[in-house]
Amino acid sequence: MLRRAKKFKNIIKVFLYSLAFLFISCQTTRSVTVFNDYKEKTITSPELTAEDDGDAYIFFRLYNPCYSSPLNVTNLLKFGISTTNLSDIFVSHASIGFDLNDDFYGVTLGGKQQLKLETCTDVSDNPYMSNCDPTTSEQYVYALKVSRAEYDATRKMVQYYLKNVDVKYSVIQNFPYSAYSIRRKFFTRKKHQDFGSKKLTRKHYNIYKDINPKKVPNKFVCSSFIAFVLMHNVSSIQDLFISKNVNYRYVVPGDFTEFPGMIKLFYSSWDDYLVAAQKFVSENPDFAPYFGIKAANNMVEFQTITQVDNPFKSQYN
């Protein structure tokens, strides 16, 4: 009887979350916020500063997209992700970048190559983003400090996928992904809901099969692509995934906020992204090399290169 009452209570919760989603998820106002996370963390952890030439930052943009039409079918996916979100921000999409200019990369539906450039201030060239309202859509930027070798390897793998692999958004993957997220949010005790909790990990999953794939995988959702790339190239993330036996397929956008070493930088509407980035850099000059003309020139090279070596090649020999 108690078990039935608990299940009914959880169903009511889902219903209430649905109402909240419909009425408040896109009622935003344009604003820019620079967070103090970087300054506060570097006081206690000086190794996080951007001064060491041997290190670099990888950036992550987490989105709360607001679709121009409330009837857009993608709203169903956004509802599912956001309703089961456990982070302190409301997000349903994620992308990865290597500077703070408006040039991140994410996996979305639309087009032959579904790993695409995402530009918040000009959504016209991206089928997914063009369905969104940039004045009410929101974004948060985070950073992760890594070694220069890890930065280069991560950048190279994203570049390889962009130039050599027809990446597909995995609609099928959304079903087990959603089931996992619902179980985690509504049917797991709060003390066991943390990222990588043993109560949520399938014991029979063998992470080493994904670390050493027999062939190059090409089907992802937005967050699983980023998790896969980090798992292969950033030692701290690989160690985390191995120690907790994390399946990258079940990483949701909000989970990135909980990754060790992740720093929350700034927030804005999509329209105001460059304003927010400029404000952040002016207040945190350590990040100046990641914003502006120099960073833009590096990205031009990233986008125009035609031949990228297979980063998995050594695993097949």
Protein backbone atom coordinates (compact mmCIF):
# COMPACT_ATOMS: atom_id res chain seq x y z
CA MET A 1 0.00 0.00 0.00
CA LEU A 2 2.79 2.38 0.94
CA ARG A 3 4.61 1.54 -2.29
CA ARG A 4 1.51 2.36 -4.34
CA ALA A 5 1.05 5.65 -2.52
CA LYS A 6 4.69 6.55 -3.22
CA LYS A 7 4.32 5.76 -6.94
CA PHE A 8 1.13 7.87 -7.11
CA LYS A 9 2.97 10.71 -5.39
CA ASN A 10 5.75 10.52 -8.00
CA ILE A 11 3.21 10.59 -10.85
CA ILE A 12 1.68 13.73 -9.33
CA LYS A 13 5.17 15.25 -9.20
CA VAL A 14 5.67 14.61 -12.93
CA PHE A 15 2.30 16.25 -13.65
CA LEU A 16 3.17 19.32 -11.59
CA TYR A 17 6.56 19.59 -13.28
CA SER A 18 4.73 19.49 -16.62
CA LEU A 19 2.60 22.48 -15.64
CA ALA A 20 5.63 24.38 -14.39
CA PHE A 21 7.44 23.65 -17.64
CA LEU A 22 4.59 24.94 -19.77
CA PHE A 23 4.11 28.16 -17.85
CA ILE A 24 7.52 29.33 -16.66
CA SER A 25 10.33 27.65 -18.61
CA CYS A 26 10.56 30.40 -21.22
CA GLN A 27 9.37 33.44 -19.32
CA THR A 28 12.82 34.99 -19.18
CA THR A 29 14.10 38.54 -19.39
CA ARG A 30 17.29 39.62 -21.10
CA SER A 31 20.14 39.90 -18.64
CA VAL A 32 23.86 39.29 -18.26
CA THR A 33 25.44 37.73 -15.16
CA VAL A 34 29.13 37.15 -14.48
CA PHE A 35 29.65 34.63 -11.70
CA ASN A 36 32.39 34.80 -9.06
CA ASP A 37 33.04 31.06 -9.24
CA TYR A 38 36.43 31.50 -10.93
CA LYS A 39 37.69 34.12 -8.47
CA GLU A 40 36.42 32.21 -5.44
CA LYS A 41 37.85 28.86 -6.54
CA THR A 42 41.26 30.23 -7.51
CA ILE A 43 41.68 31.66 -3.99
CA THR A 44 41.55 28.15 -2.53
CA SER A 45 42.84 26.36 -5.64
CA PRO A 46 45.49 28.54 -7.36
CA GLU A 47 46.17 25.75 -9.86
CA LEU A 48 42.90 26.70 -11.58
CA THR A 49 44.27 30.05 -12.78
CA ALA A 50 44.84 30.53 -16.50
CA GLU A 51 48.41 31.78 -16.20
CA ASP A 52 50.29 28.52 -16.79
CA ASP A 53 51.18 28.15 -20.47
CA GLY A 54 51.21 24.38 -20.02
CA ASP A 55 47.48 24.31 -19.35
CA ALA A 56 44.34 25.40 -21.14
CA TYR A 57 40.57 25.60 -20.79
CA ILE A 58 37.83 23.67 -22.54
CA PHE A 59 34.46 25.45 -22.48
CA PHE A 60 30.90 24.17 -22.24
CA ARG A 61 27.71 25.99 -23.11
CA LEU A 62 24.52 24.72 -21.47
CA TYR A 63 21.22 25.91 -22.88
CA ASN A 64 17.62 26.51 -21.95
CA PRO A 65 16.26 26.91 -25.50
CA CYS A 66 12.90 28.60 -25.94
CA TYR A 67 11.24 27.51 -29.16
CA SER A 68 9.56 30.09 -31.36
CA SER A 69 6.47 27.87 -31.52
CA PRO A 70 5.13 26.15 -28.38
CA LEU A 71 3.96 23.32 -30.66
CA ASN A 72 7.51 22.48 -31.78
CA VAL A 73 7.97 18.73 -31.35
CA THR A 74 11.40 19.27 -29.79
CA ASN A 75 9.60 20.73 -26.78
CA LEU A 76 8.77 17.16 -25.77
CA LEU A 77 12.47 16.31 -25.54
CA LYS A 78 13.21 19.53 -23.70
CA PHE A 79 10.41 18.78 -21.27
CA GLY A 80 11.75 15.28 -20.60
CA ILE A 81 15.31 16.47 -19.98
CA SER A 82 14.42 19.55 -17.97
CA THR A 83 11.81 17.81 -15.82
CA THR A 84 14.35 15.24 -14.68
CA ASN A 85 17.12 17.81 -14.27
CA LEU A 86 18.96 17.62 -10.93
CA SER A 87 21.40 20.50 -11.33
CA ASP A 88 20.88 24.01 -9.96
CA ILE A 89 20.19 25.41 -13.44
CA PHE A 90 17.38 24.65 -15.92
CA VAL A 91 19.05 23.26 -19.08
CA SER A 92 18.25 20.76 -21.83
CA HIS A 93 21.10 21.04 -24.36
CA ALA A 94 24.90 21.18 -24.24
CA SER A 95 27.77 22.05 -26.58
CA ILE A 96 31.57 22.18 -26.38
CA GLY A 97 34.01 24.92 -27.40
CA PHE A 98 37.69 25.79 -27.29
CA ASP A 99 37.43 29.55 -26.82
CA LEU A 100 34.87 32.07 -25.59
CA ASN A 101 33.89 33.41 -29.00
CA ASP A 102 30.41 32.49 -30.21
CA ASP A 103 31.51 29.23 -31.85
CA PHE A 104 30.58 26.08 -29.94
CA TYR A 105 29.80 22.63 -31.35
CA GLY A 106 26.84 20.42 -30.49
CA VAL A 107 24.88 17.41 -31.74
CA THR A 108 21.31 18.16 -32.83
CA LEU A 109 18.78 16.96 -35.38
CA GLY A 110 18.83 18.42 -38.87
CA GLY A 111 21.13 18.08 -41.87
CA LYS A 112 23.46 15.28 -42.98
CA GLN A 113 26.19 16.19 -40.47
CA GLN A 114 24.44 16.56 -37.12
CA LEU A 115 27.51 17.76 -35.23
CA LYS A 116 27.33 21.43 -36.11
CA LEU A 117 28.54 24.90 -35.29
CA GLU A 118 26.24 26.63 -32.81
CA THR A 119 26.16 30.43 -32.80
CA CYS A 120 23.81 32.05 -30.30
CA THR A 121 23.90 35.49 -31.95
CA ASP A 122 23.10 34.15 -35.44
CA VAL A 123 20.87 31.07 -35.41
CA SER A 124 20.02 31.14 -39.12
CA ASP A 125 22.54 28.47 -40.23
CA ASN A 126 21.64 25.86 -37.60
CA PRO A 127 18.35 23.96 -38.17
CA TYR A 128 17.87 23.29 -34.44
CA MET A 129 18.73 26.77 -33.18
CA SER A 130 16.76 28.52 -35.92
CA ASN A 131 13.59 27.17 -34.30
CA CYS A 132 14.42 29.03 -31.09
CA ASP A 133 13.84 32.60 -29.95
CA PRO A 134 17.29 34.07 -29.17
CA THR A 135 15.84 36.86 -27.02
CA THR A 136 14.26 34.49 -24.49
CA SER A 137 16.55 31.46 -24.85
CA GLU A 138 19.20 31.25 -22.13
CA GLN A 139 22.76 29.96 -21.92
CA TYR A 140 25.36 29.30 -19.22
CA VAL A 141 29.08 28.94 -19.91
CA TYR A 142 31.36 26.69 -17.84
CA ALA A 143 35.09 25.97 -18.11
CA LEU A 144 37.30 23.01 -17.26
CA LYS A 145 41.04 23.44 -16.88
CA VAL A 146 43.08 20.67 -18.52
CA SER A 147 46.65 20.14 -19.65
CA ARG A 148 47.63 21.56 -23.03
CA ALA A 149 47.98 18.00 -24.36
CA GLU A 150 44.44 17.15 -23.19
CA TYR A 151 43.09 20.36 -24.73
CA ASP A 152 44.75 19.59 -28.07
CA ALA A 153 43.60 15.95 -28.03
CA THR A 154 39.99 16.92 -27.24
CA ARG A 155 40.01 19.58 -29.93
CA LYS A 156 41.46 17.13 -32.43
CA MET A 157 38.80 14.51 -31.69
CA VAL A 158 35.96 17.02 -32.14
CA GLN A 159 37.63 18.19 -35.34
CA TYR A 160 37.95 14.59 -36.56
CA TYR A 161 34.25 13.93 -35.96
CA LEU A 162 33.32 17.19 -37.66
CA LYS A 163 35.38 16.51 -40.79
CA ASN A 164 35.47 12.72 -41.13
CA VAL A 165 32.40 11.20 -39.46
CA ASP A 166 28.72 11.61 -40.33
CA VAL A 167 27.52 12.15 -36.77
CA LYS A 168 23.86 11.30 -36.20
CA TYR A 169 21.61 12.45 -33.41
CA SER A 170 20.40 9.19 -31.84
CA VAL A 171 16.64 9.46 -31.40
CA ILE A 172 16.57 5.84 -30.17
CA GLN A 173 19.10 6.62 -27.45
CA ASN A 174 16.62 9.06 -25.95
CA PHE A 175 14.38 6.21 -24.75
CA PRO A 176 16.82 4.46 -22.36
CA TYR A 177 18.32 7.90 -21.58
CA SER A 178 14.89 9.19 -20.54
CA ALA A 179 14.03 6.06 -18.57
CA TYR A 180 17.30 6.34 -16.65
CA SER A 181 16.69 10.03 -15.92
CA ILE A 182 13.13 9.39 -14.70
CA ARG A 183 14.32 6.59 -12.41
CA ARG A 184 17.09 8.78 -11.07
CA LYS A 185 14.83 11.79 -10.39
CA PHE A 186 11.60 10.23 -9.17
CA PHE A 187 12.35 6.68 -8.04
CA THR A 188 15.74 7.00 -6.36
CA ARG A 189 16.41 8.37 -2.89
CA LYS A 190 17.98 11.82 -2.92
CA LYS A 191 21.17 10.61 -1.28
CA HIS A 192 21.71 8.26 -4.24
CA GLN A 193 20.85 10.72 -7.05
CA ASP A 194 24.34 12.18 -7.43
CA PHE A 195 26.18 11.78 -10.72
CA GLY A 196 27.81 8.36 -10.88
CA SER A 197 25.89 6.93 -7.92
CA LYS A 198 26.42 3.19 -7.52
CA LYS A 199 22.66 2.75 -7.11
CA LEU A 200 22.23 3.94 -10.70
CA THR A 201 25.16 2.14 -12.32
CA ARG A 202 24.58 -1.16 -14.07
CA LYS A 203 27.14 -3.60 -12.75
CA HIS A 204 27.37 -5.53 -16.02
CA TYR A 205 28.38 -2.40 -17.98
CA ASN A 206 32.01 -2.64 -19.14
CA ILE A 207 33.38 0.86 -19.57
CA TYR A 208 36.59 -0.39 -21.21
CA LYS A 209 34.61 -1.44 -24.29
CA ASP A 210 33.74 2.22 -24.79
CA ILE A 211 37.22 3.48 -23.95
CA ASN A 212 38.61 1.07 -26.55
CA PRO A 213 35.83 0.87 -29.17
CA LYS A 214 36.12 -1.65 -32.00
CA LYS A 215 34.84 0.96 -34.44
CA VAL A 216 34.30 4.71 -34.36
CA PRO A 217 30.84 5.39 -32.85
CA ASN A 218 28.77 8.01 -34.65
CA LYS A 219 25.40 8.07 -32.87
CA PHE A 220 25.00 10.38 -29.89
CA VAL A 221 22.75 12.83 -28.13
CA CYS A 222 24.22 16.24 -27.32
CA SER A 223 25.55 15.42 -23.85
CA SER A 224 26.71 11.88 -24.62
CA PHE A 225 28.96 13.18 -27.41
CA ILE A 226 30.68 15.60 -25.04
CA ALA A 227 30.97 12.95 -22.33
CA PHE A 228 32.45 10.49 -24.83
CA VAL A 229 35.06 12.99 -26.04
CA LEU A 230 36.07 13.99 -22.50
CA MET A 231 36.22 10.36 -21.38
CA HIS A 232 38.81 9.68 -24.08
CA ASN A 233 41.00 12.75 -23.71
CA VAL A 234 40.84 14.22 -20.20
CA SER A 235 42.47 12.01 -17.58
CA SER A 236 40.48 13.40 -14.63
CA ILE A 237 37.19 12.65 -16.40
CA GLN A 238 38.34 9.22 -17.54
CA ASP A 239 39.41 8.39 -13.97
CA LEU A 240 36.02 9.58 -12.69
CA PHE A 241 34.12 7.48 -15.22
CA ILE A 242 36.21 4.38 -14.53
CA SER A 243 35.98 4.69 -10.74
CA LYS A 244 32.18 5.06 -10.89
CA ASN A 245 31.68 2.85 -13.97
CA VAL A 246 29.78 5.68 -15.68
CA ASN A 247 28.10 4.97 -18.99
CA TYR A 248 28.60 8.11 -21.10
CA ARG A 249 25.24 7.48 -22.84
CA TYR A 250 23.36 8.50 -19.71
CA VAL A 251 25.13 11.79 -19.01
CA VAL A 252 22.58 14.64 -19.14
CA PRO A 253 23.38 18.33 -19.78
CA GLY A 254 23.02 19.30 -16.12
CA ASP A 255 25.57 16.66 -15.07
CA PHE A 256 28.45 18.70 -16.50
CA THR A 257 28.00 21.23 -13.70
CA GLU A 258 29.02 18.49 -11.24
CA PHE A 259 32.20 17.40 -13.01
CA PRO A 260 35.30 17.92 -10.81
CA GLY A 261 37.10 21.17 -11.62
CA MET A 262 34.16 22.68 -13.53
CA ILE A 263 33.93 26.47 -13.16
CA LYS A 264 30.76 28.50 -13.77
CA LEU A 265 31.66 31.61 -15.79
CA PHE A 266 28.65 33.59 -17.01
CA TYR A 267 25.00 33.62 -18.06
CA SER A 268 22.96 35.51 -20.64
CA SER A 269 20.21 35.34 -23.21
CA TRP A 270 21.44 34.04 -26.57
CA ASP A 271 21.23 37.52 -28.08
CA ASP A 272 23.51 38.88 -25.38
CA TYR A 273 26.13 36.14 -25.51
CA LEU A 274 28.97 38.34 -26.83
CA VAL A 275 28.08 41.10 -24.36
CA ALA A 276 28.32 38.58 -21.51
CA ALA A 277 31.58 37.07 -22.79
CA GLN A 278 33.14 40.52 -23.15
CA LYS A 279 32.04 41.49 -19.64
CA PHE A 280 33.44 38.26 -18.20
CA VAL A 281 36.81 38.68 -19.93
CA SER A 282 37.10 42.33 -18.89
CA GLU A 283 36.58 41.26 -15.26
CA ASN A 284 38.79 38.17 -15.61
CA PRO A 285 41.71 39.10 -17.92
CA ASP A 286 43.28 35.64 -17.51
CA PHE A 287 40.77 34.57 -20.16
CA ALA A 288 41.61 37.30 -22.68
CA PRO A 289 43.51 34.86 -25.00
CA TYR A 290 40.26 32.89 -25.41
CA PHE A 291 38.22 35.81 -26.71
CA GLY A 292 38.57 38.11 -29.68
CA ILE A 293 40.65 38.14 -32.86
CA LYS A 294 43.38 35.69 -31.83
CA ALA A 295 40.86 33.08 -30.72
CA ALA A 296 38.84 33.70 -33.89
CA ASN A 297 41.90 33.05 -36.08
CA ASN A 298 42.49 29.76 -34.28
CA MET A 299 38.88 28.76 -34.91
CA VAL A 300 39.15 29.60 -38.62
CA GLU A 301 42.00 27.08 -38.80
CA PHE A 302 39.87 24.58 -36.87
CA GLN A 303 36.96 24.95 -39.30
CA THR A 304 38.90 25.01 -42.58
CA ILE A 305 41.30 22.10 -42.11
CA THR A 306 40.27 19.22 -44.38
CA GLN A 307 42.36 16.28 -43.18
CA VAL A 308 42.42 15.08 -39.57
CA ASP A 309 44.12 11.88 -38.45
CA ASN A 310 41.92 9.24 -36.84
CA PRO A 311 42.40 9.63 -33.04
CA PHE A 312 41.27 6.03 -32.55
CA LYS A 313 43.69 4.56 -35.10
CA SER A 314 46.19 3.21 -32.56
CA GLN A 315 43.42 1.19 -30.93
CA TYR A 316 42.78 -0.77 -34.11
CA ASN A 317 46.37 -1.78 -34.79
